[in-house]
C-alpha atoms as a PDB file:
ATOM      1  CA  MET A   1      50.461  33.517   9.156  1.00  0.00           C
ATOM      2  CA  ASP A   2      48.798  30.763   7.146  1.00  0.00           C
ATOM      3  CA  PHE A   3      45.688  32.325   5.605  1.00  0.00           C
ATOM      4  CA  THR A   4      44.511  29.102   3.954  1.00  0.00           C
ATOM      5  CA  PRO A   5      41.982  28.118   6.676  1.00  0.00           C
ATOM      6  CA  LYS A   6      40.153  31.403   6.123  1.00  0.00           C
ATOM      7  CA  LEU A   7      39.653  30.843   2.398  1.00  0.00           C
ATOM      8  CA  GLU A   8      36.680  28.513   2.839  1.00  0.00           C
ATOM      9  CA  GLN A   9      34.958  31.032   5.121  1.00  0.00           C
ATOM     10  CA  ILE A  10      35.543  33.760   2.534  1.00  0.00           C
ATOM     11  CA  ARG A  11      34.016  31.522  -0.154  1.00  0.00           C
ATOM     12  CA  ARG A  12      30.969  30.843   2.034  1.00  0.00           C
ATOM     13  CA  ASN A  13      30.522  34.537   2.785  1.00  0.00           C
ATOM     14  CA  THR A  14      30.853  35.403  -0.895  1.00  0.00           C
ATOM     15  CA  ASN A  15      28.199  32.818  -1.776  1.00  0.00           C
ATOM     16  CA  GLN A  16      25.910  34.277   0.894  1.00  0.00           C
ATOM     17  CA  ILE A  17      26.339  37.768  -0.531  1.00  0.00           C
ATOM     18  CA  ASN A  18      25.494  36.605  -4.037  1.00  0.00           C
ATOM     19  CA  ASN A  19      22.425  34.782  -2.713  1.00  0.00           C
ATOM     20  CA  LEU A  20      21.322  37.989  -1.003  1.00  0.00           C
ATOM     21  CA  LEU A  21      21.613  39.917  -4.246  1.00  0.00           C
ATOM     22  CA  ARG A  22      19.352  37.489  -6.118  1.00  0.00           C
ATOM     23  CA  ASP A  23      18.498  39.289  -9.379  1.00  0.00           C
ATOM     24  CA  ALA A  24      20.180  42.583  -8.467  1.00  0.00           C
ATOM     25  CA  ARG A  25      22.228  44.484 -11.042  1.00  0.00           C
ATOM     26  CA  LEU A  26      25.047  46.550  -9.545  1.00  0.00           C
ATOM     27  CA  VAL A  27      27.326  49.385 -10.570  1.00  0.00           C
ATOM     28  CA  ALA A  28      30.423  49.973  -8.412  1.00  0.00           C
ATOM     29  CA  CYS A  29      32.181  53.344  -8.326  1.00  0.00           C
ATOM     30  CA  LEU A  30      35.083  53.384  -5.860  1.00  0.00           C
ATOM     31  CA  GLY A  31      38.132  55.616  -5.633  1.00  0.00           C
ATOM     32  CA  ASN A  32      40.253  52.852  -4.073  1.00  0.00           C
ATOM     33  CA  ARG A  33      41.395  50.642  -6.959  1.00  0.00           C
ATOM     34  CA  ALA A  34      42.485  47.800  -4.682  1.00  0.00           C
ATOM     35  CA  LEU A  35      39.049  47.685  -3.061  1.00  0.00           C
ATOM     36  CA  LEU A  36      37.364  47.966  -6.454  1.00  0.00           C
ATOM     37  CA  SER A  37      39.435  45.045  -7.763  1.00  0.00           C
ATOM     38  CA  PHE A  38      38.435  42.938  -4.757  1.00  0.00           C
ATOM     39  CA  PHE A  39      34.799  43.940  -5.196  1.00  0.00           C
ATOM     40  CA  VAL A  40      34.817  43.186  -8.928  1.00  0.00           C
ATOM     41  CA  GLY A  41      37.070  40.148  -8.835  1.00  0.00           C
ATOM     42  CA  GLY A  42      35.867  38.175  -5.869  1.00  0.00           C
ATOM     43  CA  LEU A  43      33.141  39.563  -3.670  1.00  0.00           C
ATOM     44  CA  ILE A  44      30.371  40.092  -6.222  1.00  0.00           C
ATOM     45  CA  GLY A  45      29.529  37.562  -8.917  1.00  0.00           C
ATOM     46  CA  GLN A  46      29.867  38.685 -12.512  1.00  0.00           C
ATOM     47  CA  GLU A  47      26.193  37.939 -13.086  1.00  0.00           C
ATOM     48  CA  HIS A  48      25.339  40.831 -10.749  1.00  0.00           C
ATOM     49  CA  LEU A  49      27.957  43.436 -11.657  1.00  0.00           C
ATOM     50  CA  VAL A  50      27.136  45.425 -14.802  1.00  0.00           C
ATOM     51  CA  GLY A  51      29.754  48.170 -14.529  1.00  0.00           C
ATOM     52  CA  ALA A  52      32.653  49.559 -12.490  1.00  0.00           C
ATOM     53  CA  ALA A  53      34.386  52.944 -12.428  1.00  0.00           C
ATOM     54  CA  THR A  54      36.734  55.088 -10.341  1.00  0.00           C
ATOM     55  CA  CYS A  55      35.499  58.599 -11.210  1.00  0.00           C
ATOM     56  CA  GLU A  56      32.233  60.528 -10.995  1.00  0.00           C
ATOM     57  CA  ALA A  57      31.608  61.102 -14.704  1.00  0.00           C
ATOM     58  CA  ALA A  58      32.203  57.468 -15.661  1.00  0.00           C
ATOM     59  CA  GLY A  59      30.060  56.266 -12.768  1.00  0.00           C
ATOM     60  CA  LEU A  60      27.129  58.446 -13.800  1.00  0.00           C
ATOM     61  CA  GLU A  61      27.462  57.292 -17.415  1.00  0.00           C
ATOM     62  CA  LEU A  62      27.358  53.643 -16.301  1.00  0.00           C
ATOM     63  CA  VAL A  63      24.247  54.224 -14.204  1.00  0.00           C
ATOM     64  CA  GLU A  64      22.535  56.014 -17.081  1.00  0.00           C
ATOM     65  CA  ARG A  65      23.468  53.276 -19.548  1.00  0.00           C
ATOM     66  CA  HIS A  66      22.681  50.199 -17.448  1.00  0.00           C
ATOM     67  CA  ARG A  67      19.981  51.470 -15.053  1.00  0.00           C
ATOM     68  CA  PRO A  68      21.110  49.114 -12.261  1.00  0.00           C
ATOM     69  CA  SER A  69      19.075  48.253  -9.179  1.00  0.00           C
ATOM     70  CA  MET A  70      21.902  49.225  -6.801  1.00  0.00           C
ATOM     71  CA  VAL A  71      25.001  51.434  -6.826  1.00  0.00           C
ATOM     72  CA  PHE A  72      27.920  50.879  -4.440  1.00  0.00           C
ATOM     73  CA  LEU A  73      30.106  53.992  -4.302  1.00  0.00           C
ATOM     74  CA  SER A  74      32.687  55.714  -2.114  1.00  0.00           C
ATOM     75  CA  ASP A  75      32.723  59.343  -1.024  1.00  0.00           C
ATOM     76  CA  THR A  76      36.211  59.903  -2.474  1.00  0.00           C
ATOM     77  CA  LEU A  77      36.914  59.095  -6.131  1.00  0.00           C
ATOM     78  CA  GLU A  78      39.910  59.504  -8.426  1.00  0.00           C
ATOM     79  CA  GLN A  79      38.102  62.348 -10.171  1.00  0.00           C
ATOM     80  CA  GLY A  80      35.009  64.128  -8.935  1.00  0.00           C
ATOM     81  CA  SER A  81      33.052  63.364  -5.781  1.00  0.00           C
ATOM     82  CA  GLY A  82      31.123  60.312  -4.691  1.00  0.00           C
ATOM     83  CA  ILE A  83      28.739  62.513  -2.715  1.00  0.00           C
ATOM     84  CA  SER A  84      28.033  64.577  -5.830  1.00  0.00           C
ATOM     85  CA  LEU A  85      27.453  61.381  -7.803  1.00  0.00           C
ATOM     86  CA  LEU A  86      25.034  60.094  -5.174  1.00  0.00           C
ATOM     87  CA  LEU A  87      23.076  63.368  -5.180  1.00  0.00           C
ATOM     88  CA  GLN A  88      22.739  63.226  -8.970  1.00  0.00           C
ATOM     89  CA  ILE A  89      21.623  59.589  -8.865  1.00  0.00           C
ATOM     90  CA  LYS A  90      18.977  60.222  -6.216  1.00  0.00           C
ATOM     91  CA  GLN A  91      17.710  63.300  -8.024  1.00  0.00           C
ATOM     92  CA  ARG A  92      17.310  61.481 -11.337  1.00  0.00           C
ATOM     93  CA  TRP A  93      16.432  57.986 -10.082  1.00  0.00           C
ATOM     94  CA  PRO A  94      15.012  58.299  -6.534  1.00  0.00           C
ATOM     95  CA  GLY A  95      14.178  54.607  -6.288  1.00  0.00           C
ATOM     96  CA  LEU A  96      17.669  53.380  -7.136  1.00  0.00           C
ATOM     97  CA  HIS A  97      19.292  51.798  -4.065  1.00  0.00           C
ATOM     98  CA  THR A  98      22.626  53.318  -3.029  1.00  0.00           C
ATOM     99  CA  LEU A  99      25.284  52.093  -0.606  1.00  0.00           C
ATOM    100  CA  LEU A 100      27.909  54.713   0.273  1.00  0.00           C
ATOM    101  CA  LEU A 101      31.350  53.830   1.625  1.00  0.00           C
ATOM    102  CA  ILE A 102      32.641  56.597   3.901  1.00  0.00           C
ATOM    103  CA  THR A 103      36.426  56.976   3.747  1.00  0.00           C
ATOM    104  CA  GLN A 104      36.684  60.362   5.485  1.00  0.00           C
ATOM    105  CA  GLU A 105      34.483  60.387   8.582  1.00  0.00           C
ATOM    106  CA  HIS A 106      35.102  64.056   9.336  1.00  0.00           C
ATOM    107  CA  ARG A 107      33.179  65.247   6.259  1.00  0.00           C
ATOM    108  CA  GLN A 108      29.958  65.536   8.233  1.00  0.00           C
ATOM    109  CA  SER A 109      28.243  68.154   6.089  1.00  0.00           C
ATOM    110  CA  GLU A 110      28.635  66.048   2.949  1.00  0.00           C
ATOM    111  CA  ILE A 111      27.550  62.870   4.717  1.00  0.00           C
ATOM    112  CA  GLN A 112      24.497  64.746   5.989  1.00  0.00           C
ATOM    113  CA  ALA A 113      23.733  65.812   2.414  1.00  0.00           C
ATOM    114  CA  ALA A 114      23.836  62.164   1.332  1.00  0.00           C
ATOM    115  CA  ILE A 115      21.439  61.228   4.127  1.00  0.00           C
ATOM    116  CA  GLU A 116      19.059  64.032   3.192  1.00  0.00           C
ATOM    117  CA  ALA A 117      19.174  62.896  -0.445  1.00  0.00           C
ATOM    118  CA  GLY A 118      17.922  59.456   0.579  1.00  0.00           C
ATOM    119  CA  CYS A 119      21.075  57.322   0.658  1.00  0.00           C
ATOM    120  CA  ASP A 120      19.995  53.795   1.612  1.00  0.00           C
ATOM    121  CA  GLY A 121      23.185  52.611   3.294  1.00  0.00           C
ATOM    122  CA  LEU A 122      26.320  54.035   4.906  1.00  0.00           C
ATOM    123  CA  LEU A 123      29.426  51.928   5.552  1.00  0.00           C
ATOM    124  CA  VAL A 124      32.673  53.182   7.117  1.00  0.00           C
ATOM    125  CA  GLU A 125      35.841  51.992   5.368  1.00  0.00           C
ATOM    126  CA  SER A 126      37.826  51.596   8.592  1.00  0.00           C
ATOM    127  CA  ARG A 127      35.122  49.309  10.021  1.00  0.00           C
ATOM    128  CA  ILE A 128      34.056  47.416   6.917  1.00  0.00           C
ATOM    129  CA  GLY A 129      34.038  43.618   6.963  1.00  0.00           C
ATOM    130  CA  LEU A 130      32.166  40.796   5.286  1.00  0.00           C
ATOM    131  CA  GLY A 131      29.640  40.760   8.121  1.00  0.00           C
ATOM    132  CA  SER A 132      28.767  44.432   7.770  1.00  0.00           C
ATOM    133  CA  ALA A 133      28.727  44.150   3.977  1.00  0.00           C
ATOM    134  CA  MET A 134      26.249  41.266   4.142  1.00  0.00           C
ATOM    135  CA  ALA A 135      24.071  43.096   6.677  1.00  0.00           C
ATOM    136  CA  ALA A 136      24.035  46.194   4.475  1.00  0.00           C
ATOM    137  CA  LEU A 137      23.222  44.285   1.289  1.00  0.00           C
ATOM    138  CA  HIS A 138      20.458  42.308   3.017  1.00  0.00           C
ATOM    139  CA  ALA A 139      18.817  45.451   4.360  1.00  0.00           C
ATOM    140  CA  ILE A 140      19.103  47.516   1.198  1.00  0.00           C
ATOM    141  CA  SER A 141      18.103  44.782  -1.249  1.00  0.00           C
ATOM    142  CA  GLY A 142      14.930  44.300   0.811  1.00  0.00           C
ATOM    143  CA  GLY A 143      14.086  47.996   0.823  1.00  0.00           C
ATOM    144  CA  GLY A 144      15.511  48.643   4.288  1.00  0.00           C
ATOM    145  CA  VAL A 145      18.260  50.899   5.588  1.00  0.00           C
ATOM    146  CA  TYR A 146      21.781  50.231   6.861  1.00  0.00           C
ATOM    147  CA  VAL A 147      23.885  52.768   8.747  1.00  0.00           C
ATOM    148  CA  ASP A 148      27.156  51.976  10.489  1.00  0.00           C
ATOM    149  CA  ARG A 149      26.666  52.465  14.207  1.00  0.00           C
ATOM    150  CA  SER A 150      29.515  54.977  14.391  1.00  0.00           C
ATOM    151  CA  LEU A 151      27.347  57.314  12.287  1.00  0.00           C
ATOM    152  CA  THR A 152      24.066  56.948  14.171  1.00  0.00           C
ATOM    153  CA  GLU A 153      24.295  60.280  15.990  1.00  0.00           C
ATOM    154  CA  LEU A 154      24.910  62.031  12.692  1.00  0.00           C
ATOM    155  CA  PHE A 155      21.976  60.165  11.178  1.00  0.00           C
ATOM    156  CA  ARG A 156      19.447  60.965  13.890  1.00  0.00           C
ATOM    157  CA  ARG A 157      17.589  64.259  14.064  1.00  0.00           C
ATOM    158  CA  GLY A 158      17.176  66.181  17.264  1.00  0.00           C
ATOM    159  CA  PRO A 159      13.849  66.483  19.117  1.00  0.00           C
ATOM    160  CA  GLY A 160      11.321  68.787  17.536  1.00  0.00           C
ATOM    161  CA  GLU A 161      12.683  68.271  14.022  1.00  0.00           C
ATOM    162  CA  GLY A 162       9.746  66.401  12.577  1.00  0.00           C
ATOM    163  CA  GLY A 163       7.460  63.516  13.389  1.00  0.00           C
ATOM    164  CA  PRO A 164       4.469  61.518  12.157  1.00  0.00           C
ATOM    165  CA  LEU A 165       1.099  63.099  11.400  1.00  0.00           C
ATOM    166  CA  GLU A 166      -0.421  60.795  14.021  1.00  0.00           C
ATOM    167  CA  PRO A 167       0.997  58.105  16.326  1.00  0.00           C
ATOM    168  CA  LEU A 168       1.791  54.720  14.831  1.00  0.00           C
ATOM    169  CA  THR A 169       0.074  51.690  16.332  1.00  0.00           C
ATOM    170  CA  GLY A 170       2.091  48.981  18.037  1.00  0.00           C
ATOM    171  CA  ARG A 171       1.704  46.694  15.035  1.00  0.00           C
ATOM    172  CA  GLU A 172       2.748  49.454  12.635  1.00  0.00           C
ATOM    173  CA  LEU A 173       5.900  50.029  14.692  1.00  0.00           C
ATOM    174  CA  GLN A 174       6.666  46.302  14.521  1.00  0.00           C
ATOM    175  CA  VAL A 175       6.230  46.344  10.750  1.00  0.00           C
ATOM    176  CA  LEU A 176       8.364  49.473  10.414  1.00  0.00           C
ATOM    177  CA  SER A 177      11.142  47.912  12.488  1.00  0.00           C
ATOM    178  CA  LEU A 178      11.215  44.858  10.212  1.00  0.00           C
ATOM    179  CA  VAL A 179      11.133  47.068   7.121  1.00  0.00           C
ATOM    180  CA  ALA A 180      14.262  48.813   8.436  1.00  0.00           C
ATOM    181  CA  GLU A 181      15.940  45.402   8.676  1.00  0.00           C
ATOM    182  CA  GLY A 182      15.177  44.797   5.006  1.00  0.00           C
ATOM    183  CA  ASP A 183      12.414  42.203   5.387  1.00  0.00           C
ATOM    184  CA  THR A 184       9.940  41.796   2.536  1.00  0.00           C
ATOM    185  CA  ASN A 185       6.178  41.813   3.147  1.00  0.00           C
ATOM    186  CA  ILE A 186       6.192  38.008   3.030  1.00  0.00           C
ATOM    187  CA  GLU A 187       9.015  37.820   5.599  1.00  0.00           C
ATOM    188  CA  ILE A 188       7.265  40.373   7.819  1.00  0.00           C
ATOM    189  CA  GLY A 189       4.093  38.297   7.669  1.00  0.00           C
ATOM    190  CA  GLU A 190       5.962  35.146   8.646  1.00  0.00           C
ATOM    191  CA  ARG A 191       7.673  36.825  11.596  1.00  0.00           C
ATOM    192  CA  LEU A 192       4.507  38.505  12.891  1.00  0.00           C
ATOM    193  CA  PHE A 193       2.153  35.606  12.019  1.00  0.00           C
ATOM    194  CA  ILE A 194       0.058  37.735   9.691  1.00  0.00           C
ATOM    195  CA  SER A 195      -0.521  37.573   5.947  1.00  0.00           C
ATOM    196  CA  ALA A 196       1.660  39.449   3.480  1.00  0.00           C
ATOM    197  CA  ASP A 197      -1.411  41.455   2.449  1.00  0.00           C
ATOM    198  CA  THR A 198      -2.000  42.507   6.059  1.00  0.00           C
ATOM    199  CA  ALA A 199       1.650  43.525   6.346  1.00  0.00           C
ATOM    200  CA  LYS A 200       1.216  45.575   3.173  1.00  0.00           C
ATOM    201  CA  THR A 201      -1.866  47.267   4.643  1.00  0.00           C
ATOM    202  CA  HIS A 202       0.053  48.224   7.797  1.00  0.00           C
ATOM    203  CA  LEU A 203       2.905  49.502   5.641  1.00  0.00           C
ATOM    204  CA  ARG A 204       0.560  51.648   3.571  1.00  0.00           C
ATOM    205  CA  SER A 205      -0.959  53.117   6.741  1.00  0.00           C
ATOM    206  CA  LEU A 206       2.363  53.924   8.402  1.00  0.00           C
ATOM    207  CA  CYS A 207       3.711  55.476   5.196  1.00  0.00           C
ATOM    208  CA  ARG A 208       0.703  57.798   5.180  1.00  0.00           C
ATOM    209  CA  LYS A 209       1.289  58.784   8.810  1.00  0.00           C
ATOM    210  CA  LEU A 210       4.995  59.389   8.183  1.00  0.00           C
ATOM    211  CA  GLN A 211       4.343  61.064   4.817  1.00  0.00           C
ATOM    212  CA  ALA A 212       6.909  58.640   3.394  1.00  0.00           C
ATOM    213  CA  ARG A 213       7.214  58.161  -0.358  1.00  0.00           C
ATOM    214  CA  ASP A 214       8.114  54.455  -0.050  1.00  0.00           C
ATOM    215  CA  ARG A 215       9.188  51.761   2.433  1.00  0.00           C
ATOM    216  CA  THR A 216      12.839  52.852   2.418  1.00  0.00           C
ATOM    217  CA  HIS A 217      11.898  56.450   3.163  1.00  0.00           C
ATOM    218  CA  ALA A 218       9.598  55.222   5.951  1.00  0.00           C
ATOM    219  CA  ALA A 219      12.467  53.255   7.522  1.00  0.00           C
ATOM    220  CA  VAL A 220      14.761  56.280   7.312  1.00  0.00           C
ATOM    221  CA  LEU A 221      12.194  58.517   9.006  1.00  0.00           C
ATOM    222  CA  GLY A 222      11.466  55.922  11.684  1.00  0.00           C
ATOM    223  CA  LEU A 223      15.143  55.678  12.577  1.00  0.00           C
ATOM    224  CA  ARG A 224      15.817  59.401  12.388  1.00  0.00           C
ATOM    225  CA  TRP A 225      12.846  60.247  14.588  1.00  0.00           C
ATOM    226  CA  GLY A 226      13.672  57.516  17.101  1.00  0.00           C
ATOM    227  CA  LEU A 227      10.410  55.645  16.521  1.00  0.00           C
ATOM    228  CA  ILE A 228      12.196  52.297  16.172  1.00  0.00           C
ATOM    229  CA  ASP A 229      15.418  50.801  17.484  1.00  0.00           C
ATOM    230  CA  TRP A 230      18.491  50.472  15.330  1.00  0.00           C
ATOM    231  CA  PRO A 231      18.598  47.137  13.437  1.00  0.00           C
ATOM    232  CA  GLN A 232      20.978  44.580  14.905  1.00  0.00           C
ATOM    233  CA  GLU A 233      24.054  43.797  12.804  1.00  0.00           C
END
């Protein structure tokens, strides 16, 4: 098969990903060296990547040294555990965005622990593609949430397991849905024909009702409690 015609599409997708990242600073910690090489060598521009590792201890040291804005890691590493690394990151730097690549889908208890810790994005290795990677990076870089649809049942909570202090208004639900997609306050304002300040006011109100610590946490709660529909990929 002649792969040449696909090269231009790959270049365009790579450019789109780097545009999405804007001023982001990333650390990658993946147990699969081939995937890490692709990630480091072609998918992410060198201006965004500040460190790469294949084991838990080295990954944590890189995060501590560089204080990136996002960490892309896998659940399995050459040494240590990606889940353990994620838990440490979220405990020490709760606002640091994390995107977890799931390589063993049957490890439900550990995946659940990552969700409870506040993981911002979950990708499944067997289903990963440039489209899903771009969707995940767009959502997370904007403060939203991305979860592969094969994991949605694991992500959702059952009825009676929590809910808002008081019902959200229709406008607040619209804002929350766009937050989950990764839209900024300016983008939300443009899509709803309101000002960015008004969008911010709605966001502040819905965070209070959800008892959410920030916009990402609000999106997570909205999805887990079934208040909003799953973002389209």
